[in-house]
Amino acid sequence: MSPDDARTTQLAERLDAVRRRIAAALPTAGAIEPALIVVTKFHPGADVQRLRRLGVADVGENRDQEAAAKAAEVADPELRWHFIGQLQSNKARSVAGYAHSVHSIDRPSLVKALDRAMVAEQQETGRARLQCYIQLDLSGAYPELAAPAGGANSGRGGLAPSSMMGLAERIAAAQALELAGVMAVAPLGVDPEPAFELLARLSAEVVEEHPQAWRMSAGMSHDLETALAYGATHLRVGSDILGPRPAVL
C-alpha cells in the first residue's frame, strides 16, 4: 500500500467515526444531519483533495494566507470553503475570492470591508452572496469567568450578545452579504452546555427578526454532542479527522 493510500484509509476511518458520533448524537430520530465542516488548517492541500474524494463538501480554515493557497491548489468549484478564524479587514478582498462563508463576523467595519470586496468579486465573477455568521462571546454564561474591569474575559472571542441585533441588521442590509446565522466557541475548561444553551437562545432571537438566519455554527471535536443537543446545524471538526498538526520541518 502506498503512503497516499494509507493516509486516505486513515482519513476515511476517522471521518466515518465522526459521522457515526454525529448520527448517534442527533436529538431526535430522523433529524436533519448537520453540515460537517472539516477544519484543515496546518494540513496540506493533498489532504483536502483526499477528503474531497471521500465525499467531504465543506472545509474550514482560519488563516487567509493558508486558505487562499489551498483553494488555488485544489481548485474545485464544488468545494465550499468556510473561513472560521479572526479576520482582519484588510484581508477581506482575498477572502472574497474563495470563501463560501465567514463564521467570524464580529464588528461593523468587517461587514463594510467584506461587502465592498464581495461587490467587486460579484462584478468580476458573478458569485453568490457571501454567507455571514455573527461570532458571539458566550463567556456571559459563566459568571465565574467574569474578568476584572478593563480586563480580558476567558471566552474564545466574538461579539457581546447585547450588540448582536445591531450587527445582524448591518449584515442583512449589505448588498453582497447574506446573514446566515450565529457562531460561537465554548470557553475552555468548562462544561459547554451553558454556552450552547445561551447560543440557542440568541439564535432564536436572530431568527425571529431574520428567518433566513437559522444556521448555528457550533461544536468541535470535543463537544459536538452537546452542540447538537442544542440545535447546531454546522459542526467544525479538525483533529478527530485529520489528527495532530503536521511537524514543521
C-alpha atoms as a PDB file:
ATOM      1  CA  MET A   1       0.000   0.000   0.000  1.00  0.00           C
ATOM      2  CA  SER A   2       1.405   3.396  -0.938  1.00  0.00           C
ATOM      3  CA  PRO A   3       1.742   6.157   1.697  1.00  0.00           C
ATOM      4  CA  ASP A   4      -1.010   8.072  -0.079  1.00  0.00           C
ATOM      5  CA  ASP A   5      -3.369   5.092   0.111  1.00  0.00           C
ATOM      6  CA  ALA A   6      -2.548   4.675   3.795  1.00  0.00           C
ATOM      7  CA  ARG A   7      -3.388   8.317   4.519  1.00  0.00           C
ATOM      8  CA  THR A   8      -6.647   8.098   2.576  1.00  0.00           C
ATOM      9  CA  THR A   9      -7.616   4.973   4.512  1.00  0.00           C
ATOM     10  CA  GLN A  10      -6.787   6.712   7.783  1.00  0.00           C
ATOM     11  CA  LEU A  11      -8.891   9.741   6.882  1.00  0.00           C
ATOM     12  CA  ALA A  12     -11.775   7.547   5.755  1.00  0.00           C
ATOM     13  CA  GLU A  13     -11.783   5.666   9.075  1.00  0.00           C
ATOM     14  CA  ARG A  14     -11.672   8.841  11.158  1.00  0.00           C
ATOM     15  CA  LEU A  15     -14.316  10.540   9.031  1.00  0.00           C
ATOM     16  CA  ASP A  16     -16.591   7.529   9.424  1.00  0.00           C
ATOM     17  CA  ALA A  17     -16.076   7.531  13.202  1.00  0.00           C
ATOM     18  CA  VAL A  18     -17.063  11.209  13.437  1.00  0.00           C
ATOM     19  CA  ARG A  19     -20.096  10.669  11.228  1.00  0.00           C
ATOM     20  CA  ARG A  20     -21.177   7.811  13.482  1.00  0.00           C
ATOM     21  CA  ARG A  21     -20.817  10.069  16.526  1.00  0.00           C
ATOM     22  CA  ILE A  22     -22.987  12.663  14.817  1.00  0.00           C
ATOM     23  CA  ALA A  23     -25.662  10.139  13.905  1.00  0.00           C
ATOM     24  CA  ALA A  24     -25.749   8.827  17.473  1.00  0.00           C
ATOM     25  CA  ALA A  25     -25.981  12.341  18.920  1.00  0.00           C
ATOM     26  CA  LEU A  26     -28.823  13.689  16.800  1.00  0.00           C
ATOM     27  CA  PRO A  27     -31.501  14.740  19.287  1.00  0.00           C
ATOM     28  CA  THR A  28     -34.454  13.102  17.518  1.00  0.00           C
ATOM     29  CA  ALA A  29     -34.909  10.193  15.154  1.00  0.00           C
ATOM     30  CA  GLY A  30     -34.945  11.405  11.577  1.00  0.00           C
ATOM     31  CA  ALA A  31     -33.397  14.766  12.481  1.00  0.00           C
ATOM     32  CA  ILE A  32     -31.602  16.553   9.670  1.00  0.00           C
ATOM     33  CA  GLU A  33     -27.892  15.770   9.740  1.00  0.00           C
ATOM     34  CA  PRO A  34     -25.776  18.880  10.306  1.00  0.00           C
ATOM     35  CA  ALA A  35     -23.206  20.086   7.826  1.00  0.00           C
ATOM     36  CA  LEU A  36     -19.772  18.765   8.753  1.00  0.00           C
ATOM     37  CA  ILE A  37     -17.022  21.310   8.131  1.00  0.00           C
ATOM     38  CA  VAL A  38     -13.654  19.555   8.237  1.00  0.00           C
ATOM     39  CA  VAL A  39     -11.108  22.023   9.577  1.00  0.00           C
ATOM     40  CA  THR A  40      -7.946  21.502   7.538  1.00  0.00           C
ATOM     41  CA  LYS A  41      -5.692  24.198   8.997  1.00  0.00           C
ATOM     42  CA  PHE A  42      -1.991  23.255   9.067  1.00  0.00           C
ATOM     43  CA  HIS A  43      -2.657  20.226   6.859  1.00  0.00           C
ATOM     44  CA  PRO A  44      -1.645  20.134   3.180  1.00  0.00           C
ATOM     45  CA  GLY A  45      -3.813  20.645   0.142  1.00  0.00           C
ATOM     46  CA  ALA A  46      -3.302  16.963  -0.658  1.00  0.00           C
ATOM     47  CA  ASP A  47      -5.381  16.108   2.414  1.00  0.00           C
ATOM     48  CA  VAL A  48      -8.157  18.395   1.183  1.00  0.00           C
ATOM     49  CA  GLN A  49      -8.125  16.524  -2.115  1.00  0.00           C
ATOM     50  CA  ARG A  50      -8.289  13.176  -0.281  1.00  0.00           C
ATOM     51  CA  LEU A  51     -11.233  14.412   1.788  1.00  0.00           C
ATOM     52  CA  ARG A  52     -12.974  15.590  -1.355  1.00  0.00           C
ATOM     53  CA  ARG A  53     -12.665  12.120  -2.851  1.00  0.00           C
ATOM     54  CA  LEU A  54     -14.210  10.790   0.366  1.00  0.00           C
ATOM     55  CA  GLY A  55     -17.277  12.946  -0.151  1.00  0.00           C
ATOM     56  CA  VAL A  56     -16.436  15.960   2.011  1.00  0.00           C
ATOM     57  CA  ALA A  57     -18.086  19.093   0.623  1.00  0.00           C
ATOM     58  CA  ASP A  58     -17.135  21.658   3.302  1.00  0.00           C
ATOM     59  CA  VAL A  59     -13.700  22.552   4.669  1.00  0.00           C
ATOM     60  CA  GLY A  60     -12.670  25.223   7.140  1.00  0.00           C
ATOM     61  CA  GLU A  61      -9.589  27.397   7.503  1.00  0.00           C
ATOM     62  CA  ASN A  62      -8.660  30.116   9.964  1.00  0.00           C
ATOM     63  CA  ARG A  63      -5.745  31.867   8.219  1.00  0.00           C
ATOM     64  CA  ASP A  64      -6.251  33.646   4.919  1.00  0.00           C
ATOM     65  CA  GLN A  65      -2.768  33.064   3.540  1.00  0.00           C
ATOM     66  CA  GLU A  66      -3.073  29.321   4.026  1.00  0.00           C
ATOM     67  CA  ALA A  67      -6.684  29.146   2.867  1.00  0.00           C
ATOM     68  CA  ALA A  68      -6.106  31.149  -0.309  1.00  0.00           C
ATOM     69  CA  ALA A  69      -3.158  28.960  -1.273  1.00  0.00           C
ATOM     70  CA  LYS A  70      -5.092  25.731  -0.706  1.00  0.00           C
ATOM     71  CA  ALA A  71      -8.154  26.977  -2.564  1.00  0.00           C
ATOM     72  CA  ALA A  72      -5.949  27.755  -5.567  1.00  0.00           C
ATOM     73  CA  GLU A  73      -4.198  24.385  -5.308  1.00  0.00           C
ATOM     74  CA  VAL A  74      -7.363  22.311  -5.017  1.00  0.00           C
ATOM     75  CA  ALA A  75      -9.350  24.440  -7.496  1.00  0.00           C
ATOM     76  CA  ASP A  76     -12.649  22.595  -7.052  1.00  0.00           C
ATOM     77  CA  PRO A  77     -15.656  24.864  -7.697  1.00  0.00           C
ATOM     78  CA  GLU A  78     -17.977  22.454  -5.847  1.00  0.00           C
ATOM     79  CA  LEU A  79     -15.958  22.548  -2.616  1.00  0.00           C
ATOM     80  CA  ARG A  80     -17.195  25.072  -0.055  1.00  0.00           C
ATOM     81  CA  TRP A  81     -14.500  26.962   1.871  1.00  0.00           C
ATOM     82  CA  HIS A  82     -15.523  28.284   5.286  1.00  0.00           C
ATOM     83  CA  PHE A  83     -13.344  30.950   6.898  1.00  0.00           C
ATOM     84  CA  ILE A  84     -13.586  30.374  10.652  1.00  0.00           C
ATOM     85  CA  GLY A  85     -10.762  32.430  12.180  1.00  0.00           C
ATOM     86  CA  GLN A  86     -10.427  36.022  13.264  1.00  0.00           C
ATOM     87  CA  LEU A  87     -10.311  38.160  10.128  1.00  0.00           C
ATOM     88  CA  GLN A  88      -8.592  41.475   9.586  1.00  0.00           C
ATOM     89  CA  SER A  89     -10.487  43.893   7.376  1.00  0.00           C
ATOM     90  CA  ASN A  90      -7.520  44.226   5.030  1.00  0.00           C
ATOM     91  CA  LYS A  91      -7.872  40.525   4.161  1.00  0.00           C
ATOM     92  CA  ALA A  92     -11.476  40.917   3.006  1.00  0.00           C
ATOM     93  CA  ARG A  93     -10.629  41.135  -0.694  1.00  0.00           C
ATOM     94  CA  SER A  94      -8.610  37.932  -0.569  1.00  0.00           C
ATOM     95  CA  VAL A  95     -11.256  36.014   1.383  1.00  0.00           C
ATOM     96  CA  ALA A  96     -13.942  37.180  -1.037  1.00  0.00           C
ATOM     97  CA  GLY A  97     -12.067  35.406  -3.799  1.00  0.00           C
ATOM     98  CA  TYR A  98     -12.603  31.886  -2.457  1.00  0.00           C
ATOM     99  CA  ALA A  99     -14.844  31.743   0.631  1.00  0.00           C
ATOM    100  CA  HIS A 100     -18.391  30.419   0.639  1.00  0.00           C
ATOM    101  CA  SER A 101     -18.875  31.753   4.169  1.00  0.00           C
ATOM    102  CA  VAL A 102     -17.199  33.618   7.016  1.00  0.00           C
ATOM    103  CA  HIS A 103     -18.059  32.369  10.512  1.00  0.00           C
ATOM    104  CA  SER A 104     -16.299  35.102  12.482  1.00  0.00           C
ATOM    105  CA  ILE A 105     -18.113  38.384  11.814  1.00  0.00           C
ATOM    106  CA  ASP A 106     -17.720  40.437  14.972  1.00  0.00           C
ATOM    107  CA  ARG A 107     -17.713  44.144  14.067  1.00  0.00           C
ATOM    108  CA  PRO A 108     -19.316  46.643  11.675  1.00  0.00           C
ATOM    109  CA  SER A 109     -16.020  47.567   9.994  1.00  0.00           C
ATOM    110  CA  LEU A 110     -15.557  43.964   8.878  1.00  0.00           C
ATOM    111  CA  VAL A 111     -19.091  43.885   7.448  1.00  0.00           C
ATOM    112  CA  LYS A 112     -18.305  47.014   5.438  1.00  0.00           C
ATOM    113  CA  ALA A 113     -14.997  45.632   4.142  1.00  0.00           C
ATOM    114  CA  LEU A 114     -16.454  42.264   3.174  1.00  0.00           C
ATOM    115  CA  ASP A 115     -19.447  43.805   1.441  1.00  0.00           C
ATOM    116  CA  ARG A 116     -17.231  46.094  -0.609  1.00  0.00           C
ATOM    117  CA  ALA A 117     -14.958  43.176  -1.518  1.00  0.00           C
ATOM    118  CA  MET A 118     -17.857  40.902  -2.451  1.00  0.00           C
ATOM    119  CA  VAL A 119     -19.486  43.552  -4.628  1.00  0.00           C
ATOM    120  CA  ALA A 120     -16.240  43.739  -6.615  1.00  0.00           C
ATOM    121  CA  GLU A 121     -15.998  39.934  -6.729  1.00  0.00           C
ATOM    122  CA  GLN A 122     -19.553  39.598  -7.996  1.00  0.00           C
ATOM    123  CA  GLN A 123     -18.896  42.136 -10.740  1.00  0.00           C
ATOM    124  CA  GLU A 124     -15.925  40.055 -11.883  1.00  0.00           C
ATOM    125  CA  THR A 125     -17.210  36.508 -11.438  1.00  0.00           C
ATOM    126  CA  GLY A 126     -20.940  36.624 -10.669  1.00  0.00           C
ATOM    127  CA  ARG A 127     -20.509  34.656  -7.453  1.00  0.00           C
ATOM    128  CA  ALA A 128     -23.335  34.235  -4.976  1.00  0.00           C
ATOM    129  CA  ARG A 129     -23.516  36.390  -1.866  1.00  0.00           C
ATOM    130  CA  LEU A 130     -21.145  35.581   0.991  1.00  0.00           C
ATOM    131  CA  GLN A 131     -22.735  33.672   3.871  1.00  0.00           C
ATOM    132  CA  CYS A 132     -22.006  35.502   7.134  1.00  0.00           C
ATOM    133  CA  TYR A 133     -22.202  34.220  10.712  1.00  0.00           C
ATOM    134  CA  ILE A 134     -22.046  36.518  13.719  1.00  0.00           C
ATOM    135  CA  GLN A 135     -19.449  35.201  16.155  1.00  0.00           C
ATOM    136  CA  LEU A 136     -20.678  35.622  19.718  1.00  0.00           C
ATOM    137  CA  ASP A 137     -18.834  35.720  23.019  1.00  0.00           C
ATOM    138  CA  LEU A 138     -20.549  33.228  25.344  1.00  0.00           C
ATOM    139  CA  SER A 139     -18.476  33.848  28.455  1.00  0.00           C
ATOM    140  CA  GLY A 140     -21.526  35.547  29.981  1.00  0.00           C
ATOM    141  CA  ALA A 141     -22.980  32.084  30.523  1.00  0.00           C
ATOM    142  CA  TYR A 142     -20.288  31.568  33.182  1.00  0.00           C
ATOM    143  CA  PRO A 143     -20.349  34.203  35.951  1.00  0.00           C
ATOM    144  CA  GLU A 144     -17.243  32.600  37.456  1.00  0.00           C
ATOM    145  CA  LEU A 145     -15.300  33.632  34.331  1.00  0.00           C
ATOM    146  CA  ALA A 146     -16.098  37.316  34.677  1.00  0.00           C
ATOM    147  CA  ALA A 147     -12.976  39.386  34.163  1.00  0.00           C
ATOM    148  CA  PRO A 148     -11.919  42.331  36.316  1.00  0.00           C
ATOM    149  CA  ALA A 149     -12.981  45.718  34.994  1.00  0.00           C
ATOM    150  CA  GLY A 150     -10.976  46.520  31.914  1.00  0.00           C
ATOM    151  CA  GLY A 151      -9.535  43.002  31.684  1.00  0.00           C
ATOM    152  CA  ALA A 152      -9.938  40.283  29.090  1.00  0.00           C
ATOM    153  CA  ASN A 153     -12.546  37.605  29.646  1.00  0.00           C
ATOM    154  CA  SER A 154     -11.943  33.901  29.455  1.00  0.00           C
ATOM    155  CA  GLY A 155     -14.066  33.369  26.352  1.00  0.00           C
ATOM    156  CA  ARG A 156     -12.991  32.464  22.856  1.00  0.00           C
ATOM    157  CA  GLY A 157     -13.565  35.778  21.100  1.00  0.00           C
ATOM    158  CA  GLY A 158     -16.642  37.250  19.490  1.00  0.00           C
ATOM    159  CA  LEU A 159     -19.219  39.979  19.850  1.00  0.00           C
ATOM    160  CA  ALA A 160     -21.093  40.739  23.062  1.00  0.00           C
ATOM    161  CA  PRO A 161     -24.681  39.435  22.756  1.00  0.00           C
ATOM    162  CA  SER A 162     -26.000  42.925  23.534  1.00  0.00           C
ATOM    163  CA  SER A 163     -24.599  44.112  20.178  1.00  0.00           C
ATOM    164  CA  MET A 164     -25.839  41.111  18.172  1.00  0.00           C
ATOM    165  CA  MET A 165     -29.030  42.518  16.683  1.00  0.00           C
ATOM    166  CA  GLY A 166     -27.380  45.709  15.519  1.00  0.00           C
ATOM    167  CA  LEU A 167     -24.723  43.768  13.633  1.00  0.00           C
ATOM    168  CA  ALA A 168     -27.357  41.424  12.231  1.00  0.00           C
ATOM    169  CA  GLU A 169     -29.173  44.415  10.757  1.00  0.00           C
ATOM    170  CA  ARG A 170     -25.979  45.655   9.118  1.00  0.00           C
ATOM    171  CA  ILE A 171     -25.287  42.297   7.502  1.00  0.00           C
ATOM    172  CA  ALA A 172     -28.881  41.870   6.355  1.00  0.00           C
ATOM    173  CA  ALA A 173     -28.779  45.312   4.732  1.00  0.00           C
ATOM    174  CA  ALA A 174     -25.491  44.686   2.901  1.00  0.00           C
ATOM    175  CA  GLN A 175     -25.594  44.391  -0.872  1.00  0.00           C
ATOM    176  CA  ALA A 176     -23.436  41.288  -1.355  1.00  0.00           C
ATOM    177  CA  LEU A 177     -23.667  39.538   2.025  1.00  0.00           C
ATOM    178  CA  GLU A 178     -26.257  37.153   3.436  1.00  0.00           C
ATOM    179  CA  LEU A 179     -26.939  36.777   7.141  1.00  0.00           C
ATOM    180  CA  ALA A 180     -26.591  33.028   7.677  1.00  0.00           C
ATOM    181  CA  GLY A 181     -26.806  32.760  11.463  1.00  0.00           C
ATOM    182  CA  VAL A 182     -24.612  32.728  14.543  1.00  0.00           C
ATOM    183  CA  MET A 183     -21.380  31.036  15.555  1.00  0.00           C
ATOM    184  CA  ALA A 184     -19.552  30.525  18.837  1.00  0.00           C
ATOM    185  CA  VAL A 185     -16.824  28.550  20.549  1.00  0.00           C
ATOM    186  CA  ALA A 186     -17.484  27.408  24.110  1.00  0.00           C
ATOM    187  CA  PRO A 187     -14.988  28.740  26.673  1.00  0.00           C
ATOM    188  CA  LEU A 188     -12.114  26.414  27.526  1.00  0.00           C
ATOM    189  CA  GLY A 189     -12.055  24.273  30.635  1.00  0.00           C
ATOM    190  CA  VAL A 190     -15.749  24.376  31.489  1.00  0.00           C
ATOM    191  CA  ASP A 191     -18.893  22.391  30.730  1.00  0.00           C
ATOM    192  CA  PRO A 192     -20.007  23.585  27.258  1.00  0.00           C
ATOM    193  CA  GLU A 193     -23.718  23.112  27.990  1.00  0.00           C
ATOM    194  CA  PRO A 194     -24.407  26.599  29.418  1.00  0.00           C
ATOM    195  CA  ALA A 195     -22.615  28.174  26.443  1.00  0.00           C
ATOM    196  CA  PHE A 196     -24.603  26.282  23.840  1.00  0.00           C
ATOM    197  CA  GLU A 197     -27.848  26.819  25.736  1.00  0.00           C
ATOM    198  CA  LEU A 198     -27.172  30.564  25.570  1.00  0.00           C
ATOM    199  CA  LEU A 199     -26.233  30.332  21.887  1.00  0.00           C
ATOM    200  CA  ALA A 200     -29.508  28.553  21.096  1.00  0.00           C
ATOM    201  CA  ARG A 201     -31.468  31.346  22.786  1.00  0.00           C
ATOM    202  CA  LEU A 202     -29.520  34.021  20.919  1.00  0.00           C
ATOM    203  CA  SER A 203     -30.017  32.169  17.642  1.00  0.00           C
ATOM    204  CA  ALA A 204     -33.781  32.143  18.240  1.00  0.00           C
ATOM    205  CA  GLU A 205     -33.710  35.922  18.766  1.00  0.00           C
ATOM    206  CA  VAL A 206     -31.955  36.429  15.431  1.00  0.00           C
ATOM    207  CA  VAL A 207     -34.315  34.059  13.605  1.00  0.00           C
ATOM    208  CA  GLU A 208     -37.348  35.905  14.964  1.00  0.00           C
ATOM    209  CA  GLU A 209     -36.219  39.043  13.118  1.00  0.00           C
ATOM    210  CA  HIS A 210     -34.348  37.348  10.242  1.00  0.00           C
ATOM    211  CA  PRO A 211     -35.958  33.960   9.451  1.00  0.00           C
ATOM    212  CA  GLN A 212     -33.322  33.139   6.840  1.00  0.00           C
ATOM    213  CA  ALA A 213     -30.570  33.227   9.510  1.00  0.00           C
ATOM    214  CA  TRP A 214     -31.427  29.832  11.021  1.00  0.00           C
ATOM    215  CA  ARG A 215     -27.942  28.334  10.956  1.00  0.00           C
ATOM    216  CA  MET A 216     -25.957  27.761  14.132  1.00  0.00           C
ATOM    217  CA  SER A 217     -22.254  27.015  13.765  1.00  0.00           C
ATOM    218  CA  ALA A 218     -21.140  25.337  16.978  1.00  0.00           C
ATOM    219  CA  GLY A 219     -19.384  22.208  18.162  1.00  0.00           C
ATOM    220  CA  MET A 220     -15.916  20.836  17.577  1.00  0.00           C
ATOM    221  CA  SER A 221     -14.138  17.520  18.121  1.00  0.00           C
ATOM    222  CA  HIS A 222     -14.554  17.544  21.907  1.00  0.00           C
ATOM    223  CA  ASP A 223     -18.060  18.993  22.285  1.00  0.00           C
ATOM    224  CA  LEU A 224     -20.043  18.223  19.141  1.00  0.00           C
ATOM    225  CA  GLU A 225     -22.573  16.057  21.004  1.00  0.00           C
ATOM    226  CA  THR A 226     -23.507  18.928  23.329  1.00  0.00           C
ATOM    227  CA  ALA A 227     -23.728  21.363  20.427  1.00  0.00           C
ATOM    228  CA  LEU A 228     -26.073  19.037  18.564  1.00  0.00           C
ATOM    229  CA  ALA A 229     -28.307  18.731  21.621  1.00  0.00           C
ATOM    230  CA  TYR A 230     -28.851  22.499  21.407  1.00  0.00           C
ATOM    231  CA  GLY A 231     -29.513  22.645  17.677  1.00  0.00           C
ATOM    232  CA  ALA A 232     -26.152  23.114  15.945  1.00  0.00           C
ATOM    233  CA  THR A 233     -26.570  22.998  12.165  1.00  0.00           C
ATOM    234  CA  HIS A 234     -22.860  23.257  11.280  1.00  0.00           C
ATOM    235  CA  LEU A 235     -20.051  21.436  13.097  1.00  0.00           C
ATOM    236  CA  ARG A 236     -16.361  22.371  12.795  1.00  0.00           C
ATOM    237  CA  VAL A 237     -14.218  19.266  13.337  1.00  0.00           C
ATOM    238  CA  GLY A 238     -10.481  19.094  12.743  1.00  0.00           C
ATOM    239  CA  SER A 239      -8.232  16.948  14.929  1.00  0.00           C
ATOM    240  CA  ASP A 240     -10.603  13.989  15.231  1.00  0.00           C
ATOM    241  CA  ILE A 241     -10.467  13.592  11.451  1.00  0.00           C
ATOM    242  CA  LEU A 242      -7.058  14.888  10.402  1.00  0.00           C
ATOM    243  CA  GLY A 243      -5.121  14.105  13.549  1.00  0.00           C
ATOM    244  CA  PRO A 244      -2.456  16.339  15.117  1.00  0.00           C
ATOM    245  CA  ARG A 245      -0.950  19.084  13.010  1.00  0.00           C
ATOM    246  CA  PRO A 246       1.999  18.004  10.869  1.00  0.00           C
ATOM    247  CA  ALA A 247       5.506  18.678  12.167  1.00  0.00           C
ATOM    248  CA  VAL A 248       7.120  21.782  10.694  1.00  0.00           C
ATOM    249  CA  LEU A 249      10.452  20.854   9.141  1.00  0.00           C
END
